[in-house]
Structure formats: structure tokens, C-alpha cells
All heavy atoms as atom14 arrays in JSON, in Angstrom:
{
  "sequence": "ESVELVGEGEGIPMEVVVVEELGSDAFAYGNLHVDGAAQTADSMVIA",
  "atom14_mask": [
    [1, 1, 1, 1, 1, 1, 1, 1, 1, 0, 0, 0, 0, 0],
    [1, 1, 1, 1, 1, 1, 0, 0, 0, 0, 0, 0, 0, 0],
    [1, 1, 1, 1, 1, 1, 1, 0, 0, 0, 0, 0, 0, 0],
    [1, 1, 1, 1, 1, 1, 1, 1, 1, 0, 0, 0, 0, 0],
    [1, 1, 1, 1, 1, 1, 1, 1, 0, 0, 0, 0, 0, 0],
    [1, 1, 1, 1, 1, 1, 1, 0, 0, 0, 0, 0, 0, 0],
    [1, 1, 1, 1, 0, 0, 0, 0, 0, 0, 0, 0, 0, 0],
    [1, 1, 1, 1, 1, 1, 1, 1, 1, 0, 0, 0, 0, 0],
    [1, 1, 1, 1, 0, 0, 0, 0, 0, 0, 0, 0, 0, 0],
    [1, 1, 1, 1, 1, 1, 1, 1, 1, 0, 0, 0, 0, 0],
    [1, 1, 1, 1, 0, 0, 0, 0, 0, 0, 0, 0, 0, 0],
    [1, 1, 1, 1, 1, 1, 1, 1, 0, 0, 0, 0, 0, 0],
    [1, 1, 1, 1, 1, 1, 1, 0, 0, 0, 0, 0, 0, 0],
    [1, 1, 1, 1, 1, 1, 1, 1, 0, 0, 0, 0, 0, 0],
    [1, 1, 1, 1, 1, 1, 1, 1, 1, 0, 0, 0, 0, 0],
    [1, 1, 1, 1, 1, 1, 1, 0, 0, 0, 0, 0, 0, 0],
    [1, 1, 1, 1, 1, 1, 1, 0, 0, 0, 0, 0, 0, 0],
    [1, 1, 1, 1, 1, 1, 1, 0, 0, 0, 0, 0, 0, 0],
    [1, 1, 1, 1, 1, 1, 1, 0, 0, 0, 0, 0, 0, 0],
    [1, 1, 1, 1, 1, 1, 1, 1, 1, 0, 0, 0, 0, 0],
    [1, 1, 1, 1, 1, 1, 1, 1, 1, 0, 0, 0, 0, 0],
    [1, 1, 1, 1, 1, 1, 1, 1, 0, 0, 0, 0, 0, 0],
    [1, 1, 1, 1, 0, 0, 0, 0, 0, 0, 0, 0, 0, 0],
    [1, 1, 1, 1, 1, 1, 0, 0, 0, 0, 0, 0, 0, 0],
    [1, 1, 1, 1, 1, 1, 1, 1, 0, 0, 0, 0, 0, 0],
    [1, 1, 1, 1, 1, 0, 0, 0, 0, 0, 0, 0, 0, 0],
    [1, 1, 1, 1, 1, 1, 1, 1, 1, 1, 1, 0, 0, 0],
    [1, 1, 1, 1, 1, 0, 0, 0, 0, 0, 0, 0, 0, 0],
    [1, 1, 1, 1, 1, 1, 1, 1, 1, 1, 1, 1, 0, 0],
    [1, 1, 1, 1, 0, 0, 0, 0, 0, 0, 0, 0, 0, 0],
    [1, 1, 1, 1, 1, 1, 1, 1, 0, 0, 0, 0, 0, 0],
    [1, 1, 1, 1, 1, 1, 1, 1, 0, 0, 0, 0, 0, 0],
    [1, 1, 1, 1, 1, 1, 1, 1, 1, 1, 0, 0, 0, 0],
    [1, 1, 1, 1, 1, 1, 1, 0, 0, 0, 0, 0, 0, 0],
    [1, 1, 1, 1, 1, 1, 1, 1, 0, 0, 0, 0, 0, 0],
    [1, 1, 1, 1, 0, 0, 0, 0, 0, 0, 0, 0, 0, 0],
    [1, 1, 1, 1, 1, 0, 0, 0, 0, 0, 0, 0, 0, 0],
    [1, 1, 1, 1, 1, 0, 0, 0, 0, 0, 0, 0, 0, 0],
    [1, 1, 1, 1, 1, 1, 1, 1, 1, 0, 0, 0, 0, 0],
    [1, 1, 1, 1, 1, 1, 1, 0, 0, 0, 0, 0, 0, 0],
    [1, 1, 1, 1, 1, 0, 0, 0, 0, 0, 0, 0, 0, 0],
    [1, 1, 1, 1, 1, 1, 1, 1, 0, 0, 0, 0, 0, 0],
    [1, 1, 1, 1, 1, 1, 0, 0, 0, 0, 0, 0, 0, 0],
    [1, 1, 1, 1, 1, 1, 1, 1, 0, 0, 0, 0, 0, 0],
    [1, 1, 1, 1, 1, 1, 1, 0, 0, 0, 0, 0, 0, 0],
    [1, 1, 1, 1, 1, 1, 1, 1, 0, 0, 0, 0, 0, 0],
    [1, 1, 1, 1, 1, 0, 0, 0, 0, 0, 0, 0, 0, 0]
  ],
  "atom14_positions": [
    [[48.33, 161.96, 146.17], [48.44, 162.05, 144.71], [48.54, 163.49, 144.21], [48.65, 163.73, 143.01], [47.25, 161.36, 144.04], [45.91, 162.03, 144.25], [45.21, 161.6, 145.52], [45.88, 161.06, 146.42], [43.99, 161.82, 145.61], [0.0, 0.0, 0.0], [0.0, 0.0, 0.0], [0.0, 0.0, 0.0], [0.0, 0.0, 0.0], [0.0, 0.0, 0.0]],
    [[48.51, 164.46, 145.14], [48.59, 165.87, 144.75], [50.02, 166.41, 144.72], [50.23, 167.61, 144.54], [47.75, 166.73, 145.71], [46.39, 166.42, 145.57], [0.0, 0.0, 0.0], [0.0, 0.0, 0.0], [0.0, 0.0, 0.0], [0.0, 0.0, 0.0], [0.0, 0.0, 0.0], [0.0, 0.0, 0.0], [0.0, 0.0, 0.0], [0.0, 0.0, 0.0]],
    [[51.0, 165.53, 144.93], [52.39, 165.97, 144.9], [53.12, 165.33, 143.74], [52.72, 164.29, 143.22], [53.11, 165.62, 146.23], [52.44, 166.3, 147.41], [53.18, 164.12, 146.46], [0.0, 0.0, 0.0], [0.0, 0.0, 0.0], [0.0, 0.0, 0.0], [0.0, 0.0, 0.0], [0.0, 0.0, 0.0], [0.0, 0.0, 0.0], [0.0, 0.0, 0.0]],
    [[54.2, 165.98, 143.32], [55.09, 165.43, 142.3], [56.52, 165.58, 142.79], [56.84, 166.49, 143.55], [54.88, 166.17, 140.97], [54.99, 167.67, 141.07], [54.51, 168.36, 139.81], [54.09, 167.66, 138.87], [54.54, 169.61, 139.77], [0.0, 0.0, 0.0], [0.0, 0.0, 0.0], [0.0, 0.0, 0.0], [0.0, 0.0, 0.0], [0.0, 0.0, 0.0]],
    [[57.37, 164.65, 142.37], [58.79, 164.72, 142.74], [59.5, 165.73, 141.85], [59.33, 165.74, 140.63], [59.44, 163.35, 142.61], [58.89, 162.22, 143.49], [59.76, 160.97, 143.37], [58.8, 162.65, 144.95], [0.0, 0.0, 0.0], [0.0, 0.0, 0.0], [0.0, 0.0, 0.0], [0.0, 0.0, 0.0], [0.0, 0.0, 0.0], [0.0, 0.0, 0.0]],
    [[60.29, 166.59, 142.48], [61.03, 167.64, 141.76], [62.48, 167.61, 142.21], [62.87, 166.83, 143.08], [60.41, 169.03, 142.03], [59.0, 169.1, 141.42], [60.35, 169.33, 143.52], [0.0, 0.0, 0.0], [0.0, 0.0, 0.0], [0.0, 0.0, 0.0], [0.0, 0.0, 0.0], [0.0, 0.0, 0.0], [0.0, 0.0, 0.0], [0.0, 0.0, 0.0]],
    [[63.29, 168.48, 141.63], [64.72, 168.52, 141.94], [65.0, 169.17, 143.29], [64.15, 169.83, 143.88], [0.0, 0.0, 0.0], [0.0, 0.0, 0.0], [0.0, 0.0, 0.0], [0.0, 0.0, 0.0], [0.0, 0.0, 0.0], [0.0, 0.0, 0.0], [0.0, 0.0, 0.0], [0.0, 0.0, 0.0], [0.0, 0.0, 0.0], [0.0, 0.0, 0.0]],
    [[66.23, 168.98, 143.76], [66.64, 169.55, 145.04], [66.47, 171.07, 145.03], [66.81, 171.75, 144.06], [68.09, 169.19, 145.32], [68.59, 169.65, 146.67], [70.01, 169.19, 146.96], [70.55, 168.39, 146.16], [70.58, 169.65, 147.97], [0.0, 0.0, 0.0], [0.0, 0.0, 0.0], [0.0, 0.0, 0.0], [0.0, 0.0, 0.0], [0.0, 0.0, 0.0]],
    [[65.9, 171.61, 146.1], [65.69, 173.04, 146.2], [64.39, 173.52, 145.58], [64.03, 174.68, 145.73], [0.0, 0.0, 0.0], [0.0, 0.0, 0.0], [0.0, 0.0, 0.0], [0.0, 0.0, 0.0], [0.0, 0.0, 0.0], [0.0, 0.0, 0.0], [0.0, 0.0, 0.0], [0.0, 0.0, 0.0], [0.0, 0.0, 0.0], [0.0, 0.0, 0.0]],
    [[63.68, 172.63, 144.88], [62.45, 173.03, 144.2], [61.19, 172.65, 144.96], [60.08, 173.02, 144.57], [62.39, 172.41, 142.8], [63.52, 172.84, 141.88], [63.42, 172.15, 140.53], [62.28, 171.96, 140.05], [64.46, 171.79, 139.97], [0.0, 0.0, 0.0], [0.0, 0.0, 0.0], [0.0, 0.0, 0.0], [0.0, 0.0, 0.0], [0.0, 0.0, 0.0]],
    [[61.34, 171.87, 146.02], [60.15, 171.41, 146.74], [60.44, 171.07, 148.18], [61.54, 171.33, 148.7], [0.0, 0.0, 0.0], [0.0, 0.0, 0.0], [0.0, 0.0, 0.0], [0.0, 0.0, 0.0], [0.0, 0.0, 0.0], [0.0, 0.0, 0.0], [0.0, 0.0, 0.0], [0.0, 0.0, 0.0], [0.0, 0.0, 0.0], [0.0, 0.0, 0.0]],
    [[59.47, 170.47, 148.83], [59.55, 170.13, 150.25], [60.43, 168.87, 150.41], [60.11, 167.82, 149.85], [58.14, 169.84, 150.8], [57.21, 171.03, 150.56], [58.19, 169.48, 152.27], [55.74, 170.69, 150.69], [0.0, 0.0, 0.0], [0.0, 0.0, 0.0], [0.0, 0.0, 0.0], [0.0, 0.0, 0.0], [0.0, 0.0, 0.0], [0.0, 0.0, 0.0]],
    [[61.52, 168.96, 151.16], [62.37, 167.77, 151.33], [61.75, 166.76, 152.3], [61.22, 167.11, 153.34], [63.67, 168.35, 151.91], [63.3, 169.65, 152.51], [62.08, 170.15, 151.83], [0.0, 0.0, 0.0], [0.0, 0.0, 0.0], [0.0, 0.0, 0.0], [0.0, 0.0, 0.0], [0.0, 0.0, 0.0], [0.0, 0.0, 0.0], [0.0, 0.0, 0.0]],
    [[61.79, 165.48, 151.9], [61.25, 164.41, 152.73], [62.2, 163.22, 152.71], [62.64, 162.78, 151.65], [59.87, 163.97, 152.21], [59.22, 162.87, 153.04], [57.68, 162.23, 152.33], [58.32, 161.02, 151.17], [0.0, 0.0, 0.0], [0.0, 0.0, 0.0], [0.0, 0.0, 0.0], [0.0, 0.0, 0.0], [0.0, 0.0, 0.0], [0.0, 0.0, 0.0]],
    [[62.54, 162.73, 153.9], [63.36, 161.53, 154.01], [62.46, 160.3, 154.03], [61.61, 160.16, 154.9], [64.21, 161.58, 155.29], [65.14, 160.4, 155.44], [65.99, 160.47, 156.69], [66.24, 161.59, 157.19], [66.39, 159.4, 157.19], [0.0, 0.0, 0.0], [0.0, 0.0, 0.0], [0.0, 0.0, 0.0], [0.0, 0.0, 0.0], [0.0, 0.0, 0.0]],
    [[62.65, 159.41, 153.06], [61.78, 158.24, 152.92], [62.08, 157.23, 154.02], [63.23, 156.85, 154.24], [61.98, 157.59, 151.52], [61.13, 156.33, 151.4], [61.64, 158.59, 150.43], [0.0, 0.0, 0.0], [0.0, 0.0, 0.0], [0.0, 0.0, 0.0], [0.0, 0.0, 0.0], [0.0, 0.0, 0.0], [0.0, 0.0, 0.0], [0.0, 0.0, 0.0]],
    [[61.01, 156.79, 154.69], [61.13, 155.8, 155.76], [60.72, 154.42, 155.27], [61.36, 153.42, 155.58], [60.28, 156.22, 156.98], [60.29, 155.13, 158.06], [60.78, 157.53, 157.56], [0.0, 0.0, 0.0], [0.0, 0.0, 0.0], [0.0, 0.0, 0.0], [0.0, 0.0, 0.0], [0.0, 0.0, 0.0], [0.0, 0.0, 0.0], [0.0, 0.0, 0.0]],
    [[59.65, 154.37, 154.5], [59.18, 153.09, 153.96], [58.43, 153.35, 152.65], [57.86, 154.43, 152.46], [58.26, 152.36, 154.99], [56.97, 153.14, 155.21], [57.97, 150.94, 154.56], [0.0, 0.0, 0.0], [0.0, 0.0, 0.0], [0.0, 0.0, 0.0], [0.0, 0.0, 0.0], [0.0, 0.0, 0.0], [0.0, 0.0, 0.0], [0.0, 0.0, 0.0]],
    [[58.44, 152.37, 151.77], [57.7, 152.45, 150.5], [56.74, 151.27, 150.42], [57.14, 150.12, 150.62], [58.65, 152.45, 149.29], [57.85, 152.46, 147.98], [59.59, 153.65, 149.33], [0.0, 0.0, 0.0], [0.0, 0.0, 0.0], [0.0, 0.0, 0.0], [0.0, 0.0, 0.0], [0.0, 0.0, 0.0], [0.0, 0.0, 0.0], [0.0, 0.0, 0.0]],
    [[55.47, 151.58, 150.17], [54.47, 150.54, 149.94], [54.31, 150.37, 148.44], [53.88, 151.29, 147.75], [53.11, 150.95, 150.54], [53.0, 150.78, 152.03], [51.59, 151.05, 152.53], [50.77, 151.57, 151.75], [51.31, 150.77, 153.7], [0.0, 0.0, 0.0], [0.0, 0.0, 0.0], [0.0, 0.0, 0.0], [0.0, 0.0, 0.0], [0.0, 0.0, 0.0]],
    [[54.64, 149.18, 147.93], [54.47, 148.9, 146.5], [53.23, 148.02, 146.34], [53.16, 146.92, 146.87], [55.71, 148.2, 145.96], [56.96, 149.08, 146.02], [58.14, 148.48, 145.28], [57.98, 148.24, 144.06], [59.19, 148.28, 145.91], [0.0, 0.0, 0.0], [0.0, 0.0, 0.0], [0.0, 0.0, 0.0], [0.0, 0.0, 0.0], [0.0, 0.0, 0.0]],
    [[52.25, 148.55, 145.59], [50.96, 147.89, 145.45], [50.72, 147.4, 144.02], [49.58, 147.13, 143.65], [49.84, 148.85, 145.87], [49.99, 149.47, 147.26], [48.89, 150.5, 147.49], [49.92, 148.39, 148.33], [0.0, 0.0, 0.0], [0.0, 0.0, 0.0], [0.0, 0.0, 0.0], [0.0, 0.0, 0.0], [0.0, 0.0, 0.0], [0.0, 0.0, 0.0]],
    [[51.77, 147.31, 143.23], [51.61, 146.89, 141.85], [51.38, 148.07, 140.94], [52.31, 148.62, 140.35], [0.0, 0.0, 0.0], [0.0, 0.0, 0.0], [0.0, 0.0, 0.0], [0.0, 0.0, 0.0], [0.0, 0.0, 0.0], [0.0, 0.0, 0.0], [0.0, 0.0, 0.0], [0.0, 0.0, 0.0], [0.0, 0.0, 0.0], [0.0, 0.0, 0.0]],
    [[50.12, 148.5, 140.82], [49.81, 149.64, 139.95], [50.15, 150.96, 140.6], [50.24, 151.99, 139.93], [48.32, 149.62, 139.58], [47.52, 149.71, 140.75], [0.0, 0.0, 0.0], [0.0, 0.0, 0.0], [0.0, 0.0, 0.0], [0.0, 0.0, 0.0], [0.0, 0.0, 0.0], [0.0, 0.0, 0.0], [0.0, 0.0, 0.0], [0.0, 0.0, 0.0]],
    [[50.32, 150.97, 141.93], [50.61, 152.19, 142.68], [51.76, 151.94, 143.64], [52.05, 150.79, 144.0], [49.38, 152.64, 143.49], [48.58, 153.72, 142.79], [49.2, 154.51, 142.05], [47.36, 153.77, 142.96], [0.0, 0.0, 0.0], [0.0, 0.0, 0.0], [0.0, 0.0, 0.0], [0.0, 0.0, 0.0], [0.0, 0.0, 0.0], [0.0, 0.0, 0.0]],
    [[52.38, 153.03, 144.06], [53.38, 152.96, 145.12], [53.27, 154.23, 145.95], [53.04, 155.32, 145.41], [54.78, 152.81, 144.54], [0.0, 0.0, 0.0], [0.0, 0.0, 0.0], [0.0, 0.0, 0.0], [0.0, 0.0, 0.0], [0.0, 0.0, 0.0], [0.0, 0.0, 0.0], [0.0, 0.0, 0.0], [0.0, 0.0, 0.0], [0.0, 0.0, 0.0]],
    [[53.43, 154.1, 147.26], [53.35, 155.24, 148.17], [54.6, 155.28, 149.04], [54.99, 154.27, 149.63], [52.1, 155.15, 149.05], [50.82, 155.27, 148.28], [50.16, 154.14, 147.83], [50.28, 156.52, 148.0], [48.98, 154.25, 147.11], [49.1, 156.64, 147.28], [48.44, 155.51, 146.84], [0.0, 0.0, 0.0], [0.0, 0.0, 0.0], [0.0, 0.0, 0.0]],
    [[55.22, 156.45, 149.09], [56.38, 156.67, 149.94], [55.94, 157.38, 151.21], [55.24, 158.39, 151.16], [57.43, 157.51, 149.2], [0.0, 0.0, 0.0], [0.0, 0.0, 0.0], [0.0, 0.0, 0.0], [0.0, 0.0, 0.0], [0.0, 0.0, 0.0], [0.0, 0.0, 0.0], [0.0, 0.0, 0.0], [0.0, 0.0, 0.0], [0.0, 0.0, 0.0]],
    [[56.34, 156.84, 152.36], [56.06, 157.43, 153.66], [57.38, 157.98, 154.2], [58.4, 157.29, 154.17], [55.52, 156.39, 154.64], [54.16, 155.84, 154.3], [53.97, 155.01, 153.19], [53.06, 156.12, 155.1], [52.73, 154.49, 152.89], [51.8, 155.59, 154.8], [51.65, 154.78, 153.69], [50.41, 154.26, 153.39], [0.0, 0.0, 0.0], [0.0, 0.0, 0.0]],
    [[57.35, 159.22, 154.69], [58.6, 159.78, 155.19], [58.4, 160.95, 156.12], [57.27, 161.39, 156.38], [0.0, 0.0, 0.0], [0.0, 0.0, 0.0], [0.0, 0.0, 0.0], [0.0, 0.0, 0.0], [0.0, 0.0, 0.0], [0.0, 0.0, 0.0], [0.0, 0.0, 0.0], [0.0, 0.0, 0.0], [0.0, 0.0, 0.0], [0.0, 0.0, 0.0]],
    [[59.5, 161.45, 156.64], [59.52, 162.62, 157.52], [60.05, 163.82, 156.78], [60.98, 163.71, 155.97], [60.39, 162.34, 158.75], [59.84, 161.22, 159.62], [58.64, 161.18, 159.88], [60.7, 160.31, 160.05], [0.0, 0.0, 0.0], [0.0, 0.0, 0.0], [0.0, 0.0, 0.0], [0.0, 0.0, 0.0], [0.0, 0.0, 0.0], [0.0, 0.0, 0.0]],
    [[59.45, 164.98, 157.05], [59.95, 166.21, 156.44], [61.36, 166.49, 156.93], [61.72, 166.16, 158.07], [59.03, 167.37, 156.78], [57.58, 167.26, 156.28], [56.81, 168.54, 156.57], [57.54, 166.95, 154.79], [0.0, 0.0, 0.0], [0.0, 0.0, 0.0], [0.0, 0.0, 0.0], [0.0, 0.0, 0.0], [0.0, 0.0, 0.0], [0.0, 0.0, 0.0]],
    [[62.16, 167.1, 156.07], [63.58, 167.34, 156.35], [63.81, 168.85, 156.34], [63.61, 169.5, 155.31], [64.43, 166.66, 155.27], [65.65, 165.99, 155.78], [66.89, 166.53, 155.71], [65.79, 164.79, 156.4], [67.77, 165.7, 156.24], [67.12, 164.62, 156.67], [0.0, 0.0, 0.0], [0.0, 0.0, 0.0], [0.0, 0.0, 0.0], [0.0, 0.0, 0.0]],
    [[64.19, 169.42, 157.45], [64.41, 170.86, 157.55], [65.81, 171.12, 158.11], [66.18, 170.54, 159.14], [63.35, 171.53, 158.45], [63.59, 173.02, 158.52], [61.95, 171.24, 157.92], [0.0, 0.0, 0.0], [0.0, 0.0, 0.0], [0.0, 0.0, 0.0], [0.0, 0.0, 0.0], [0.0, 0.0, 0.0], [0.0, 0.0, 0.0], [0.0, 0.0, 0.0]],
    [[66.57, 171.95, 157.42], [67.93, 172.31, 157.85], [68.78, 171.08, 158.09], [69.52, 170.97, 159.08], [67.89, 173.18, 159.13], [67.16, 174.5, 158.9], [67.23, 175.0, 157.76], [66.53, 175.0, 159.84], [0.0, 0.0, 0.0], [0.0, 0.0, 0.0], [0.0, 0.0, 0.0], [0.0, 0.0, 0.0], [0.0, 0.0, 0.0], [0.0, 0.0, 0.0]],
    [[68.64, 170.1, 157.18], [69.5, 168.93, 157.25], [69.08, 167.88, 158.24], [69.77, 166.86, 158.4], [0.0, 0.0, 0.0], [0.0, 0.0, 0.0], [0.0, 0.0, 0.0], [0.0, 0.0, 0.0], [0.0, 0.0, 0.0], [0.0, 0.0, 0.0], [0.0, 0.0, 0.0], [0.0, 0.0, 0.0], [0.0, 0.0, 0.0], [0.0, 0.0, 0.0]],
    [[67.96, 168.07, 158.95], [67.53, 167.1, 159.95], [66.08, 166.71, 159.72], [65.26, 167.56, 159.33], [67.7, 167.67, 161.36], [0.0, 0.0, 0.0], [0.0, 0.0, 0.0], [0.0, 0.0, 0.0], [0.0, 0.0, 0.0], [0.0, 0.0, 0.0], [0.0, 0.0, 0.0], [0.0, 0.0, 0.0], [0.0, 0.0, 0.0], [0.0, 0.0, 0.0]],
    [[65.77, 165.45, 159.95], [64.39, 164.97, 159.8], [63.55, 165.49, 160.96], [63.98, 165.47, 162.11], [64.36, 163.46, 159.76], [0.0, 0.0, 0.0], [0.0, 0.0, 0.0], [0.0, 0.0, 0.0], [0.0, 0.0, 0.0], [0.0, 0.0, 0.0], [0.0, 0.0, 0.0], [0.0, 0.0, 0.0], [0.0, 0.0, 0.0], [0.0, 0.0, 0.0]],
    [[62.36, 165.98, 160.61], [61.43, 166.49, 161.63], [60.39, 165.42, 161.93], [59.54, 165.14, 161.11], [60.74, 167.77, 161.14], [61.71, 168.87, 160.73], [62.49, 169.4, 161.91], [61.9, 169.9, 162.86], [63.8, 169.3, 161.85], [0.0, 0.0, 0.0], [0.0, 0.0, 0.0], [0.0, 0.0, 0.0], [0.0, 0.0, 0.0], [0.0, 0.0, 0.0]],
    [[60.49, 164.79, 163.09], [59.49, 163.79, 163.44], [58.18, 164.48, 163.77], [58.15, 165.55, 164.36], [59.96, 162.95, 164.64], [60.23, 163.83, 165.74], [61.21, 162.17, 164.29], [0.0, 0.0, 0.0], [0.0, 0.0, 0.0], [0.0, 0.0, 0.0], [0.0, 0.0, 0.0], [0.0, 0.0, 0.0], [0.0, 0.0, 0.0], [0.0, 0.0, 0.0]],
    [[57.1, 163.86, 163.35], [55.77, 164.42, 163.59], [54.85, 163.3, 164.07], [55.24, 162.14, 164.19], [55.22, 165.04, 162.3], [0.0, 0.0, 0.0], [0.0, 0.0, 0.0], [0.0, 0.0, 0.0], [0.0, 0.0, 0.0], [0.0, 0.0, 0.0], [0.0, 0.0, 0.0], [0.0, 0.0, 0.0], [0.0, 0.0, 0.0], [0.0, 0.0, 0.0]],
    [[53.61, 163.68, 164.39], [52.65, 162.67, 164.85], [52.39, 161.62, 163.78], [52.15, 160.46, 164.08], [51.32, 163.34, 165.23], [51.47, 164.22, 166.47], [52.4, 163.97, 167.25], [50.65, 165.14, 166.63], [0.0, 0.0, 0.0], [0.0, 0.0, 0.0], [0.0, 0.0, 0.0], [0.0, 0.0, 0.0], [0.0, 0.0, 0.0], [0.0, 0.0, 0.0]],
    [[52.45, 162.03, 162.54], [52.26, 161.08, 161.44], [53.19, 161.46, 160.29], [53.54, 162.63, 160.11], [50.81, 161.08, 160.96], [50.43, 162.37, 160.52], [0.0, 0.0, 0.0], [0.0, 0.0, 0.0], [0.0, 0.0, 0.0], [0.0, 0.0, 0.0], [0.0, 0.0, 0.0], [0.0, 0.0, 0.0], [0.0, 0.0, 0.0], [0.0, 0.0, 0.0]],
    [[53.56, 160.45, 159.51], [54.46, 160.7, 158.39], [53.71, 161.28, 157.2], [52.51, 161.1, 157.06], [55.16, 159.4, 158.0], [56.2, 158.94, 159.0], [57.09, 157.48, 158.45], [55.98, 156.21, 159.01], [0.0, 0.0, 0.0], [0.0, 0.0, 0.0], [0.0, 0.0, 0.0], [0.0, 0.0, 0.0], [0.0, 0.0, 0.0], [0.0, 0.0, 0.0]],
    [[54.46, 161.96, 156.35], [53.91, 162.47, 155.09], [53.87, 161.32, 154.09], [54.77, 160.47, 154.05], [54.79, 163.63, 154.57], [54.37, 164.02, 153.16], [54.68, 164.82, 155.5], [0.0, 0.0, 0.0], [0.0, 0.0, 0.0], [0.0, 0.0, 0.0], [0.0, 0.0, 0.0], [0.0, 0.0, 0.0], [0.0, 0.0, 0.0], [0.0, 0.0, 0.0]],
    [[52.79, 161.28, 153.31], [52.61, 160.21, 152.31], [52.57, 160.84, 150.93], [51.88, 161.84, 150.71], [51.3, 159.44, 152.55], [51.17, 159.02, 154.01], [51.21, 158.22, 151.64], [49.79, 158.51, 154.38], [0.0, 0.0, 0.0], [0.0, 0.0, 0.0], [0.0, 0.0, 0.0], [0.0, 0.0, 0.0], [0.0, 0.0, 0.0], [0.0, 0.0, 0.0]],
    [[53.32, 160.26, 149.99], [53.33, 160.75, 148.62], [53.19, 159.58, 147.66], [53.84, 158.54, 147.83], [54.63, 161.5, 148.34], [0.0, 0.0, 0.0], [0.0, 0.0, 0.0], [0.0, 0.0, 0.0], [0.0, 0.0, 0.0], [0.0, 0.0, 0.0], [0.0, 0.0, 0.0], [0.0, 0.0, 0.0], [0.0, 0.0, 0.0], [0.0, 0.0, 0.0]]
  ]
}
């Protein structure tokens, strides 16, 4: 909950892998994107 979505070039790029919709909340899970390629990690980033 400490992140906000911003325009291209203004923040950390993340490729969305799955979205959990919980009614009042929604969480996007994804991989960071660096130099045009997704960076796989031990765990995905959650926003």
C-alpha cells in the first residue's frame, strides 16, 4: 500500500503477472522490468 501508479518513466516498471481482486481491495503481483526485460526474482513484487 506504500506505492502509487505513475506514468511511464516516473517510477519502477513492473510487468503484471496476476491480479487478486478482493472486492474492496485489489493487489497486482508482478516482476520488475529493467531494460525492456522482466527480472525474475525469488518472489514477485506486490502493489
